[in-house]
C-alpha cells in the first residue's frame, strides 16, 4: 500500500512539473492589429507559449533592432503584409532555451539570429522552427564605386522617399544604369543558397575581428514609443540604430 502511494505521489509530482513547465513561459510582445503610427497602434501584450514541438525551439530574445522596414510594415507601407494581430519586428539576437525532440543542429544556450523573414521578433520569447534560425558565435557583441564607367547605381532603402536624380551626361557617356535592391525578396530567393551561409560566416568573422563598429542606442522594451518616434524622425535613419532590449 505504501509502495502504491509513493508511486502515485511521484506520478503527481511529475505531472505537476510537466504542467508547470508548460505554463512557465509568458512572453511579453509588441503587437498591432491595424496599420498606423507605431506609437498609436503598437501595444504590449502577453502571450503564453507552449513547449516547442519536434522541430521547434524556444528562444529567449535578447535584443531586436528597430529598422525602417519594421516601421513601414506597421504603417502598412511595406510590400509584406502580416496577418493581424501581428507581432512586430523582423530581426533579433536570441538564445535557445529549449529544443524539440527532433532538433538536430541547434542546442540549448546557443545564440541565434533569424534566417527567415517576418517572424515577429519584438517579443521577450518566441517559438520558431529550427530551419528559421541561424546559430552565431557568442563572441559577437551586440563600398562605393558605382559611378565609374559602366557602373551600376543600386538604390537600397530609399527612406528619404525622394526621386533618384542622375546627370544626363553620366547616363549617355558613361553608360550608367540604375536598379533597386530589396533585401526581403533577395532573402526569400536565396534562403538556402550556399552563398548566403558564406555571407553570414564572413560577416561574423569581421565583427569578431572588430572590423565593424556598430553605432546604436539600447532602449528598454517599455520605452518603445520613444524609440519608434525617434526612428520616424529623419535623424533616426542616420547616425545610429535603435535596439530594443527585450530582457
C-alpha atoms as a PDB file:
ATOM      1  CA  UNK A   1       0.000   0.000   0.000  1.00  0.00           C
ATOM      2  CA  UNK A   2       2.840   2.320   0.920  1.00  0.00           C
ATOM      3  CA  UNK A   3       4.577   1.498  -2.382  1.00  0.00           C
ATOM      4  CA  UNK A   4       1.434   2.360  -4.383  1.00  0.00           C
ATOM      5  CA  UNK A   5       1.033   5.658  -2.505  1.00  0.00           C
ATOM      6  CA  UNK A   6       4.650   6.508  -3.225  1.00  0.00           C
ATOM      7  CA  UNK A   7       4.205   5.774  -6.932  1.00  0.00           C
ATOM      8  CA  UNK A   8       1.087   7.943  -7.056  1.00  0.00           C
ATOM      9  CA  UNK A   9       2.939  10.757  -5.292  1.00  0.00           C
ATOM     10  CA  UNK A  10       5.815  10.560  -7.772  1.00  0.00           C
ATOM     11  CA  UNK A  11       3.406  10.498 -10.714  1.00  0.00           C
ATOM     12  CA  UNK A  12       1.550  13.536  -9.390  1.00  0.00           C
ATOM     13  CA  UNK A  13       4.853  15.327  -8.837  1.00  0.00           C
ATOM     14  CA  UNK A  14       5.904  14.537 -12.405  1.00  0.00           C
ATOM     15  CA  UNK A  15       2.560  15.709 -13.767  1.00  0.00           C
ATOM     16  CA  UNK A  16       2.851  18.917 -11.740  1.00  0.00           C
ATOM     17  CA  UNK A  17       6.347  19.567 -13.090  1.00  0.00           C
ATOM     18  CA  UNK A  18       5.120  18.992 -16.638  1.00  0.00           C
ATOM     19  CA  UNK A  19       2.169  21.326 -16.088  1.00  0.00           C
ATOM     20  CA  UNK A  20       4.423  23.983 -14.535  1.00  0.00           C
ATOM     21  CA  UNK A  21       6.847  23.651 -17.449  1.00  0.00           C
ATOM     22  CA  UNK A  22       4.065  24.173 -19.947  1.00  0.00           C
ATOM     23  CA  UNK A  23       2.740  27.210 -18.110  1.00  0.00           C
ATOM     24  CA  UNK A  24       6.105  28.758 -17.236  1.00  0.00           C
ATOM     25  CA  UNK A  25       6.786  30.920 -20.295  1.00  0.00           C
ATOM     26  CA  UNK A  26       4.658  34.007 -20.723  1.00  0.00           C
ATOM     27  CA  UNK A  27       6.094  36.236 -23.438  1.00  0.00           C
ATOM     28  CA  UNK A  28       5.721  39.993 -23.462  1.00  0.00           C
ATOM     29  CA  UNK A  29       5.172  41.128 -27.056  1.00  0.00           C
ATOM     30  CA  UNK A  30       4.625  44.282 -29.089  1.00  0.00           C
ATOM     31  CA  UNK A  31       1.572  43.610 -31.270  1.00  0.00           C
ATOM     32  CA  UNK A  32      -0.514  45.605 -33.711  1.00  0.00           C
ATOM     33  CA  UNK A  33      -3.952  44.830 -35.125  1.00  0.00           C
ATOM     34  CA  UNK A  34      -4.190  47.585 -37.733  1.00  0.00           C
ATOM     35  CA  UNK A  35      -1.883  49.900 -39.640  1.00  0.00           C
ATOM     36  CA  UNK A  36      -0.861  53.317 -38.412  1.00  0.00           C
ATOM     37  CA  UNK A  37       1.799  55.202 -36.491  1.00  0.00           C
ATOM     38  CA  UNK A  38       3.774  52.754 -34.321  1.00  0.00           C
ATOM     39  CA  UNK A  39       3.211  54.806 -31.155  1.00  0.00           C
ATOM     40  CA  UNK A  40      -0.549  54.647 -31.799  1.00  0.00           C
ATOM     41  CA  UNK A  41      -1.113  51.061 -32.934  1.00  0.00           C
ATOM     42  CA  UNK A  42       1.551  49.087 -31.065  1.00  0.00           C
ATOM     43  CA  UNK A  43       0.519  47.677 -27.726  1.00  0.00           C
ATOM     44  CA  UNK A  44       2.204  45.499 -25.131  1.00  0.00           C
ATOM     45  CA  UNK A  45       0.530  42.108 -24.858  1.00  0.00           C
ATOM     46  CA  UNK A  46       1.232  38.873 -23.028  1.00  0.00           C
ATOM     47  CA  UNK A  47       1.166  35.508 -24.726  1.00  0.00           C
ATOM     48  CA  UNK A  48       1.541  32.067 -23.148  1.00  0.00           C
ATOM     49  CA  UNK A  49       3.898  29.840 -25.110  1.00  0.00           C
ATOM     50  CA  UNK A  50       3.582  26.051 -25.270  1.00  0.00           C
ATOM     51  CA  UNK A  51       6.646  23.791 -25.178  1.00  0.00           C
ATOM     52  CA  UNK A  52       8.389  23.531 -28.563  1.00  0.00           C
ATOM     53  CA  UNK A  53       7.219  20.726 -30.819  1.00  0.00           C
ATOM     54  CA  UNK A  54       9.505  18.209 -32.527  1.00  0.00           C
ATOM     55  CA  UNK A  55      11.305  20.559 -34.934  1.00  0.00           C
ATOM     56  CA  UNK A  56      10.864  23.740 -32.924  1.00  0.00           C
ATOM     57  CA  UNK A  57      12.899  25.663 -30.370  1.00  0.00           C
ATOM     58  CA  UNK A  58      12.023  28.096 -27.611  1.00  0.00           C
ATOM     59  CA  UNK A  59      14.056  31.289 -27.942  1.00  0.00           C
ATOM     60  CA  UNK A  60      14.677  33.989 -25.365  1.00  0.00           C
ATOM     61  CA  UNK A  61      15.047  37.148 -27.430  1.00  0.00           C
ATOM     62  CA  UNK A  62      17.807  39.366 -26.085  1.00  0.00           C
ATOM     63  CA  UNK A  63      17.756  42.359 -28.417  1.00  0.00           C
ATOM     64  CA  UNK A  64      15.798  43.400 -31.509  1.00  0.00           C
ATOM     65  CA  UNK A  65      16.598  46.392 -33.732  1.00  0.00           C
ATOM     66  CA  UNK A  66      14.056  48.921 -34.933  1.00  0.00           C
ATOM     67  CA  UNK A  67      14.564  49.006 -38.691  1.00  0.00           C
ATOM     68  CA  UNK A  68      12.917  51.319 -41.233  1.00  0.00           C
ATOM     69  CA  UNK A  69      11.288  48.234 -42.769  1.00  0.00           C
ATOM     70  CA  UNK A  70       9.698  47.449 -39.390  1.00  0.00           C
ATOM     71  CA  UNK A  71       8.250  50.949 -39.187  1.00  0.00           C
ATOM     72  CA  UNK A  72       6.968  50.781 -42.780  1.00  0.00           C
ATOM     73  CA  UNK A  73       5.349  47.393 -42.079  1.00  0.00           C
ATOM     74  CA  UNK A  74       3.485  48.804 -39.083  1.00  0.00           C
ATOM     75  CA  UNK A  75       2.394  51.783 -41.185  1.00  0.00           C
ATOM     76  CA  UNK A  76       1.125  49.472 -43.941  1.00  0.00           C
ATOM     77  CA  UNK A  77       3.556  50.940 -46.480  1.00  0.00           C
ATOM     78  CA  UNK A  78       5.747  47.842 -46.853  1.00  0.00           C
ATOM     79  CA  UNK A  79       5.051  45.221 -49.559  1.00  0.00           C
ATOM     80  CA  UNK A  80       4.978  42.442 -46.941  1.00  0.00           C
ATOM     81  CA  UNK A  81       1.574  42.416 -45.228  1.00  0.00           C
ATOM     82  CA  UNK A  82       1.311  40.464 -41.952  1.00  0.00           C
ATOM     83  CA  UNK A  83      -1.811  38.714 -40.717  1.00  0.00           C
ATOM     84  CA  UNK A  84      -3.447  40.516 -37.791  1.00  0.00           C
ATOM     85  CA  UNK A  85      -2.894  40.533 -34.935  1.00  0.00           C
ATOM     86  CA  UNK A  86       0.820  40.560 -35.686  1.00  0.00           C
ATOM     87  CA  UNK A  87       3.954  40.742 -33.576  1.00  0.00           C
ATOM     88  CA  UNK A  88       6.206  43.460 -34.946  1.00  0.00           C
ATOM     89  CA  UNK A  89       9.904  43.095 -35.728  1.00  0.00           C
ATOM     90  CA  UNK A  90      11.955  41.219 -38.283  1.00  0.00           C
ATOM     91  CA  UNK A  91      15.413  40.803 -36.741  1.00  0.00           C
ATOM     92  CA  UNK A  92      16.848  39.859 -33.360  1.00  0.00           C
ATOM     93  CA  UNK A  93      19.580  38.149 -31.405  1.00  0.00           C
ATOM     94  CA  UNK A  94      18.289  35.350 -29.222  1.00  0.00           C
ATOM     95  CA  UNK A  95      19.352  32.475 -27.023  1.00  0.00           C
ATOM     96  CA  UNK A  96      17.857  28.999 -27.258  1.00  0.00           C
ATOM     97  CA  UNK A  97      16.112  27.959 -24.045  1.00  0.00           C
ATOM     98  CA  UNK A  98      14.620  24.624 -25.079  1.00  0.00           C
ATOM     99  CA  UNK A  99      14.691  22.347 -28.126  1.00  0.00           C
ATOM    100  CA  UNK A 100      12.195  19.894 -29.576  1.00  0.00           C
ATOM    101  CA  UNK A 101      12.908  16.167 -29.713  1.00  0.00           C
ATOM    102  CA  UNK A 102      13.844  16.160 -33.425  1.00  0.00           C
ATOM    103  CA  UNK A 103      16.030  19.277 -33.487  1.00  0.00           C
ATOM    104  CA  UNK A 104      19.485  18.330 -34.804  1.00  0.00           C
ATOM    105  CA  UNK A 105      21.547  21.448 -35.467  1.00  0.00           C
ATOM    106  CA  UNK A 106      20.643  23.726 -32.563  1.00  0.00           C
ATOM    107  CA  UNK A 107      21.173  23.290 -28.835  1.00  0.00           C
ATOM    108  CA  UNK A 108      20.209  24.906 -25.566  1.00  0.00           C
ATOM    109  CA  UNK A 109      22.236  28.001 -24.722  1.00  0.00           C
ATOM    110  CA  UNK A 110      23.201  28.706 -28.339  1.00  0.00           C
ATOM    111  CA  UNK A 111      22.961  32.226 -29.769  1.00  0.00           C
ATOM    112  CA  UNK A 112      20.853  32.648 -32.920  1.00  0.00           C
ATOM    113  CA  UNK A 113      19.619  35.174 -35.456  1.00  0.00           C
ATOM    114  CA  UNK A 114      16.590  34.730 -37.749  1.00  0.00           C
ATOM    115  CA  UNK A 115      17.334  33.026 -41.042  1.00  0.00           C
ATOM    116  CA  UNK A 116      13.825  33.713 -42.362  1.00  0.00           C
ATOM    117  CA  UNK A 117      11.785  36.896 -42.675  1.00  0.00           C
ATOM    118  CA  UNK A 118       8.583  38.016 -40.984  1.00  0.00           C
ATOM    119  CA  UNK A 119       8.984  36.019 -37.774  1.00  0.00           C
ATOM    120  CA  UNK A 120       7.804  38.741 -35.384  1.00  0.00           C
ATOM    121  CA  UNK A 121      10.786  39.389 -33.131  1.00  0.00           C
ATOM    122  CA  UNK A 122       9.629  42.189 -30.833  1.00  0.00           C
ATOM    123  CA  UNK A 123       8.939  39.754 -28.035  1.00  0.00           C
ATOM    124  CA  UNK A 124      10.721  38.516 -24.928  1.00  0.00           C
ATOM    125  CA  UNK A 125      10.321  34.870 -26.006  1.00  0.00           C
ATOM    126  CA  UNK A 126       9.167  33.032 -29.121  1.00  0.00           C
ATOM    127  CA  UNK A 127       8.734  29.582 -30.650  1.00  0.00           C
ATOM    128  CA  UNK A 128      10.435  29.134 -34.032  1.00  0.00           C
ATOM    129  CA  UNK A 129      11.133  26.247 -36.395  1.00  0.00           C
ATOM    130  CA  UNK A 130      14.724  25.050 -36.429  1.00  0.00           C
ATOM    131  CA  UNK A 131      15.200  25.914 -40.113  1.00  0.00           C
ATOM    132  CA  UNK A 132      14.126  29.521 -39.476  1.00  0.00           C
ATOM    133  CA  UNK A 133      17.204  30.225 -37.355  1.00  0.00           C
ATOM    134  CA  UNK A 134      20.943  30.514 -37.838  1.00  0.00           C
ATOM    135  CA  UNK A 135      23.409  29.848 -34.987  1.00  0.00           C
ATOM    136  CA  UNK A 136      26.024  32.546 -34.397  1.00  0.00           C
ATOM    137  CA  UNK A 137      29.144  32.921 -32.294  1.00  0.00           C
ATOM    138  CA  UNK A 138      28.623  34.209 -28.765  1.00  0.00           C
ATOM    139  CA  UNK A 139      31.788  36.292 -29.248  1.00  0.00           C
ATOM    140  CA  UNK A 140      29.851  38.721 -31.413  1.00  0.00           C
ATOM    141  CA  UNK A 141      28.610  41.689 -29.403  1.00  0.00           C
ATOM    142  CA  UNK A 142      25.669  43.373 -29.923  1.00  0.00           C
ATOM    143  CA  UNK A 143      31.962  50.395 -50.744  1.00  0.00           C
ATOM    144  CA  UNK A 144      31.149  52.871 -53.349  1.00  0.00           C
ATOM    145  CA  UNK A 145      32.452  52.637 -56.910  1.00  0.00           C
ATOM    146  CA  UNK A 146      29.245  52.544 -58.932  1.00  0.00           C
ATOM    147  CA  UNK A 147      29.814  55.844 -60.641  1.00  0.00           C
ATOM    148  CA  UNK A 148      32.729  54.700 -62.801  1.00  0.00           C
ATOM    149  CA  UNK A 149      32.283  53.816 -66.477  1.00  0.00           C
ATOM    150  CA  UNK A 150      29.601  51.137 -66.914  1.00  0.00           C
ATOM    151  CA  UNK A 151      28.843  51.373 -63.198  1.00  0.00           C
ATOM    152  CA  UNK A 152      25.509  50.373 -61.689  1.00  0.00           C
ATOM    153  CA  UNK A 153      23.897  52.586 -59.059  1.00  0.00           C
ATOM    154  CA  UNK A 154      21.851  50.459 -56.661  1.00  0.00           C
ATOM    155  CA  UNK A 155      19.072  52.056 -54.633  1.00  0.00           C
ATOM    156  CA  UNK A 156      18.607  50.348 -51.274  1.00  0.00           C
ATOM    157  CA  UNK A 157      16.245  51.597 -48.594  1.00  0.00           C
ATOM    158  CA  UNK A 158      15.236  54.921 -50.118  1.00  0.00           C
ATOM    159  CA  UNK A 159      13.911  56.132 -46.778  1.00  0.00           C
ATOM    160  CA  UNK A 160      14.072  59.781 -47.851  1.00  0.00           C
ATOM    161  CA  UNK A 161      11.307  58.878 -50.357  1.00  0.00           C
ATOM    162  CA  UNK A 162      12.803  61.300 -52.864  1.00  0.00           C
ATOM    163  CA  UNK A 163      13.241  60.531 -56.593  1.00  0.00           C
ATOM    164  CA  UNK A 164      16.715  59.422 -57.692  1.00  0.00           C
ATOM    165  CA  UNK A 165      18.488  62.056 -59.804  1.00  0.00           C
ATOM    166  CA  UNK A 166      21.456  61.495 -62.120  1.00  0.00           C
ATOM    167  CA  UNK A 167      23.276  63.688 -64.595  1.00  0.00           C
ATOM    168  CA  UNK A 168      22.230  63.066 -68.212  1.00  0.00           C
ATOM    169  CA  UNK A 169      25.880  63.056 -69.283  1.00  0.00           C
ATOM    170  CA  UNK A 170      26.587  60.144 -66.942  1.00  0.00           C
ATOM    171  CA  UNK A 171      23.770  58.111 -68.485  1.00  0.00           C
ATOM    172  CA  UNK A 172      24.876  58.794 -72.053  1.00  0.00           C
ATOM    173  CA  UNK A 173      28.656  58.953 -71.951  1.00  0.00           C
ATOM    174  CA  UNK A 174      29.414  56.588 -69.043  1.00  0.00           C
ATOM    175  CA  UNK A 175      26.664  54.040 -69.735  1.00  0.00           C
ATOM    176  CA  UNK A 176      25.439  54.240 -66.149  1.00  0.00           C
ATOM    177  CA  UNK A 177      22.467  52.029 -65.246  1.00  0.00           C
ATOM    178  CA  UNK A 178      20.121  52.024 -62.262  1.00  0.00           C
ATOM    179  CA  UNK A 179      18.431  49.244 -60.368  1.00  0.00           C
ATOM    180  CA  UNK A 180      16.858  48.658 -56.982  1.00  0.00           C
ATOM    181  CA  UNK A 181      17.618  46.089 -54.295  1.00  0.00           C
ATOM    182  CA  UNK A 182      15.067  44.719 -51.839  1.00  0.00           C
ATOM    183  CA  UNK A 183      16.620  42.632 -49.068  1.00  0.00           C
ATOM    184  CA  UNK A 184      13.390  40.767 -48.252  1.00  0.00           C
ATOM    185  CA  UNK A 185      12.998  39.472 -51.816  1.00  0.00           C
ATOM    186  CA  UNK A 186      16.680  38.544 -52.013  1.00  0.00           C
ATOM    187  CA  UNK A 187      16.414  36.662 -48.718  1.00  0.00           C
ATOM    188  CA  UNK A 188      13.409  34.641 -49.894  1.00  0.00           C
ATOM    189  CA  UNK A 189      15.028  33.840 -53.241  1.00  0.00           C
ATOM    190  CA  UNK A 190      18.342  32.836 -51.639  1.00  0.00           C
ATOM    191  CA  UNK A 191      17.153  31.453 -48.316  1.00  0.00           C
ATOM    192  CA  UNK A 192      19.131  28.195 -48.522  1.00  0.00           C
ATOM    193  CA  UNK A 193      21.799  29.278 -51.013  1.00  0.00           C
ATOM    194  CA  UNK A 194      25.394  28.379 -50.008  1.00  0.00           C
ATOM    195  CA  UNK A 195      26.409  31.959 -50.777  1.00  0.00           C
ATOM    196  CA  UNK A 196      24.088  33.220 -48.043  1.00  0.00           C
ATOM    197  CA  UNK A 197      25.635  30.928 -45.436  1.00  0.00           C
ATOM    198  CA  UNK A 198      29.073  32.086 -46.564  1.00  0.00           C
ATOM    199  CA  UNK A 199      27.987  35.718 -46.290  1.00  0.00           C
ATOM    200  CA  UNK A 200      26.900  35.245 -42.669  1.00  0.00           C
ATOM    201  CA  UNK A 201      30.145  33.433 -41.876  1.00  0.00           C
ATOM    202  CA  UNK A 202      32.296  36.198 -43.357  1.00  0.00           C
ATOM    203  CA  UNK A 203      30.298  38.949 -41.655  1.00  0.00           C
ATOM    204  CA  UNK A 204      30.587  37.157 -38.310  1.00  0.00           C
ATOM    205  CA  UNK A 205      34.361  36.974 -38.675  1.00  0.00           C
ATOM    206  CA  UNK A 206      34.579  40.675 -39.499  1.00  0.00           C
ATOM    207  CA  UNK A 207      32.501  41.524 -36.427  1.00  0.00           C
ATOM    208  CA  UNK A 208      34.630  39.301 -34.182  1.00  0.00           C
ATOM    209  CA  UNK A 209      37.746  40.992 -35.571  1.00  0.00           C
ATOM    210  CA  UNK A 210      36.268  44.412 -34.690  1.00  0.00           C
ATOM    211  CA  UNK A 211      36.208  45.430 -38.358  1.00  0.00           C
ATOM    212  CA  UNK A 212      32.659  46.759 -37.917  1.00  0.00           C
ATOM    213  CA  UNK A 213      31.889  49.417 -35.327  1.00  0.00           C
ATOM    214  CA  UNK A 214      28.163  49.487 -34.645  1.00  0.00           C
ATOM    215  CA  UNK A 215      26.657  52.786 -33.526  1.00  0.00           C
ATOM    216  CA  UNK A 216      23.488  52.169 -31.543  1.00  0.00           C
ATOM    217  CA  UNK A 217      21.322  53.099 -28.589  1.00  0.00           C
ATOM    218  CA  UNK A 218      19.775  50.438 -26.364  1.00  0.00           C
ATOM    219  CA  UNK A 219      16.152  51.121 -25.480  1.00  0.00           C
ATOM    220  CA  UNK A 220      14.172  49.254 -22.782  1.00  0.00           C
ATOM    221  CA  UNK A 221      11.091  47.480 -24.117  1.00  0.00           C
ATOM    222  CA  UNK A 222       8.728  49.738 -22.175  1.00  0.00           C
ATOM    223  CA  UNK A 223      10.239  52.794 -23.915  1.00  0.00           C
ATOM    224  CA  UNK A 224       9.278  51.541 -27.383  1.00  0.00           C
ATOM    225  CA  UNK A 225       7.094  54.571 -28.131  1.00  0.00           C
ATOM    226  CA  UNK A 226      10.009  56.968 -27.692  1.00  0.00           C
ATOM    227  CA  UNK A 227      12.242  54.789 -29.865  1.00  0.00           C
ATOM    228  CA  UNK A 228       9.760  54.388 -32.725  1.00  0.00           C
ATOM    229  CA  UNK A 229       9.090  58.128 -32.730  1.00  0.00           C
ATOM    230  CA  UNK A 230      12.837  58.765 -32.945  1.00  0.00           C
ATOM    231  CA  UNK A 231      13.151  56.430 -35.930  1.00  0.00           C
ATOM    232  CA  UNK A 232      10.312  58.226 -37.708  1.00  0.00           C
ATOM    233  CA  UNK A 233      12.317  61.423 -37.375  1.00  0.00           C
ATOM    234  CA  UNK A 234      14.715  61.622 -40.322  1.00  0.00           C
ATOM    235  CA  UNK A 235      17.584  61.781 -37.832  1.00  0.00           C
ATOM    236  CA  UNK A 236      16.640  58.282 -36.805  1.00  0.00           C
ATOM    237  CA  UNK A 237      17.852  56.981 -40.185  1.00  0.00           C
ATOM    238  CA  UNK A 238      21.335  58.443 -39.767  1.00  0.00           C
ATOM    239  CA  UNK A 239      23.936  58.160 -37.083  1.00  0.00           C
ATOM    240  CA  UNK A 240      22.738  55.214 -35.008  1.00  0.00           C
ATOM    241  CA  UNK A 241      20.449  52.227 -34.747  1.00  0.00           C
ATOM    242  CA  UNK A 242      17.817  51.942 -32.025  1.00  0.00           C
ATOM    243  CA  UNK A 243      17.747  48.484 -30.445  1.00  0.00           C
ATOM    244  CA  UNK A 244      15.051  47.168 -28.125  1.00  0.00           C
ATOM    245  CA  UNK A 245      16.428  45.409 -25.055  1.00  0.00           C
ATOM    246  CA  UNK A 246      13.913  42.610 -24.553  1.00  0.00           C
ATOM    247  CA  UNK A 247      15.115  41.284 -21.191  1.00  0.00           C
END
